[in-house]
Amino acid sequence: MLVATSGCTWRQTPETFGPSWSTVYRRFAEWSKARVWSKLHRLVLDELGRKGELDWSRCAIDSVNMRAVKGGS
């Protein structure tokens, strides 16, 4: 998330993260492929919902737009 939110490259990940930038990237890629982030998000939402601590009036929906390649199908 640091790279996505800060705009830095993987090679700029802080040394305080511990492992090298390549290890951080590899783990991020593996966990993304395994849908760890969406599963974790769901677990947090389920736990907050169980506790009655979700306030859906304060939710936000995010999206990403991609430019179409010229000549694409």
C-alpha atoms as a PDB file:
ATOM      1  CA  MET A   1       0.000   0.000   0.000  1.00  0.00           C
ATOM      2  CA  LEU A   2       2.869   2.405   0.636  1.00  0.00           C
ATOM      3  CA  VAL A   3       3.834   2.350  -3.029  1.00  0.00           C
ATOM      4  CA  ALA A   4       0.249   2.825  -4.224  1.00  0.00           C
ATOM      5  CA  THR A   5      -0.548   5.645  -1.816  1.00  0.00           C
ATOM      6  CA  SER A   6       2.793   7.472  -1.778  1.00  0.00           C
ATOM      7  CA  GLY A   7       3.707   7.152  -5.434  1.00  0.00           C
ATOM      8  CA  CYS A   8       7.188   5.842  -4.600  1.00  0.00           C
ATOM      9  CA  THR A   9       8.778   2.968  -6.484  1.00  0.00           C
ATOM     10  CA  TRP A  10       9.354  -0.438  -4.919  1.00  0.00           C
ATOM     11  CA  ARG A  11      13.063   0.390  -4.716  1.00  0.00           C
ATOM     12  CA  GLN A  12      12.197   3.340  -2.448  1.00  0.00           C
ATOM     13  CA  THR A  13      10.484   1.296   0.272  1.00  0.00           C
ATOM     14  CA  PRO A  14      11.845   2.352   3.671  1.00  0.00           C
ATOM     15  CA  GLU A  15      14.527   0.215   5.299  1.00  0.00           C
ATOM     16  CA  THR A  16      12.315   0.156   8.420  1.00  0.00           C
ATOM     17  CA  PHE A  17      10.154  -2.389   6.563  1.00  0.00           C
ATOM     18  CA  GLY A  18      12.903  -4.901   7.247  1.00  0.00           C
ATOM     19  CA  PRO A  19      13.224  -7.049   4.136  1.00  0.00           C
ATOM     20  CA  SER A  20      14.630  -5.807   0.841  1.00  0.00           C
ATOM     21  CA  TRP A  21      12.398  -4.008  -1.653  1.00  0.00           C
ATOM     22  CA  SER A  22      12.337  -7.104  -3.870  1.00  0.00           C
ATOM     23  CA  THR A  23      11.060  -9.255  -0.994  1.00  0.00           C
ATOM     24  CA  VAL A  24       8.422  -6.654  -0.121  1.00  0.00           C
ATOM     25  CA  TYR A  25       7.308  -6.544  -3.778  1.00  0.00           C
ATOM     26  CA  ARG A  26       7.286 -10.344  -4.143  1.00  0.00           C
ATOM     27  CA  ARG A  27       5.182 -10.791  -1.011  1.00  0.00           C
ATOM     28  CA  PHE A  28       2.802  -8.025  -2.082  1.00  0.00           C
ATOM     29  CA  ALA A  29       2.395  -9.657  -5.508  1.00  0.00           C
ATOM     30  CA  GLU A  30       1.887 -13.140  -4.025  1.00  0.00           C
ATOM     31  CA  TRP A  31      -0.611 -11.895  -1.447  1.00  0.00           C
ATOM     32  CA  SER A  32      -2.476  -9.889  -4.094  1.00  0.00           C
ATOM     33  CA  LYS A  33      -2.711 -12.953  -6.357  1.00  0.00           C
ATOM     34  CA  ALA A  34      -3.980 -15.002  -3.392  1.00  0.00           C
ATOM     35  CA  ARG A  35      -6.565 -12.260  -2.671  1.00  0.00           C
ATOM     36  CA  VAL A  36      -5.203 -11.814   0.869  1.00  0.00           C
ATOM     37  CA  TRP A  37      -6.105  -8.099   0.873  1.00  0.00           C
ATOM     38  CA  SER A  38      -9.760  -8.630  -0.076  1.00  0.00           C
ATOM     39  CA  LYS A  39     -10.075 -11.513   2.411  1.00  0.00           C
ATOM     40  CA  LEU A  40      -8.558  -9.385   5.175  1.00  0.00           C
ATOM     41  CA  HIS A  41     -10.874  -6.502   4.283  1.00  0.00           C
ATOM     42  CA  ARG A  42     -13.864  -8.829   4.456  1.00  0.00           C
ATOM     43  CA  LEU A  43     -12.772 -10.192   7.850  1.00  0.00           C
ATOM     44  CA  VAL A  44     -12.457  -6.671   9.246  1.00  0.00           C
ATOM     45  CA  LEU A  45     -15.885  -5.692   7.890  1.00  0.00           C
ATOM     46  CA  ASP A  46     -17.449  -8.879   9.288  1.00  0.00           C
ATOM     47  CA  GLU A  47     -15.934  -8.249  12.725  1.00  0.00           C
ATOM     48  CA  LEU A  48     -17.039  -4.620  12.792  1.00  0.00           C
ATOM     49  CA  GLY A  49     -20.514  -5.653  11.620  1.00  0.00           C
ATOM     50  CA  ARG A  50     -20.742  -8.303  14.322  1.00  0.00           C
ATOM     51  CA  LYS A  51     -19.902  -5.647  16.916  1.00  0.00           C
ATOM     52  CA  GLY A  52     -22.408  -3.191  15.422  1.00  0.00           C
ATOM     53  CA  GLU A  53     -19.608  -0.753  14.656  1.00  0.00           C
ATOM     54  CA  LEU A  54     -20.198  -0.280  10.920  1.00  0.00           C
ATOM     55  CA  ASP A  55     -21.608   3.062   9.809  1.00  0.00           C
ATOM     56  CA  TRP A  56     -22.581   2.648   6.154  1.00  0.00           C
ATOM     57  CA  SER A  57     -23.594   6.332   5.980  1.00  0.00           C
ATOM     58  CA  ARG A  58     -19.856   7.112   6.012  1.00  0.00           C
ATOM     59  CA  CYS A  59     -18.624   4.759   3.280  1.00  0.00           C
ATOM     60  CA  ALA A  60     -16.718   5.642   0.118  1.00  0.00           C
ATOM     61  CA  ILE A  61     -16.425   3.876  -3.209  1.00  0.00           C
ATOM     62  CA  ASP A  62     -13.166   4.143  -5.097  1.00  0.00           C
ATOM     63  CA  SER A  63     -12.421   3.392  -8.720  1.00  0.00           C
ATOM     64  CA  VAL A  64      -9.543   3.429 -11.156  1.00  0.00           C
ATOM     65  CA  ASN A  65      -9.890   4.568 -14.744  1.00  0.00           C
ATOM     66  CA  MET A  66      -7.683   3.280 -17.522  1.00  0.00           C
ATOM     67  CA  ARG A  67      -7.238   4.915 -20.892  1.00  0.00           C
ATOM     68  CA  ALA A  68      -8.212   2.721 -23.847  1.00  0.00           C
ATOM     69  CA  VAL A  69      -5.372   1.808 -26.180  1.00  0.00           C
ATOM     70  CA  LYS A  70      -5.915   3.098 -29.710  1.00  0.00           C
ATOM     71  CA  GLY A  71      -6.801   0.316 -32.063  1.00  0.00           C
ATOM     72  CA  GLY A  72      -7.746  -2.021 -29.221  1.00  0.00           C
ATOM     73  CA  SER A  73     -10.675  -4.376 -29.484  1.00  0.00           C
END
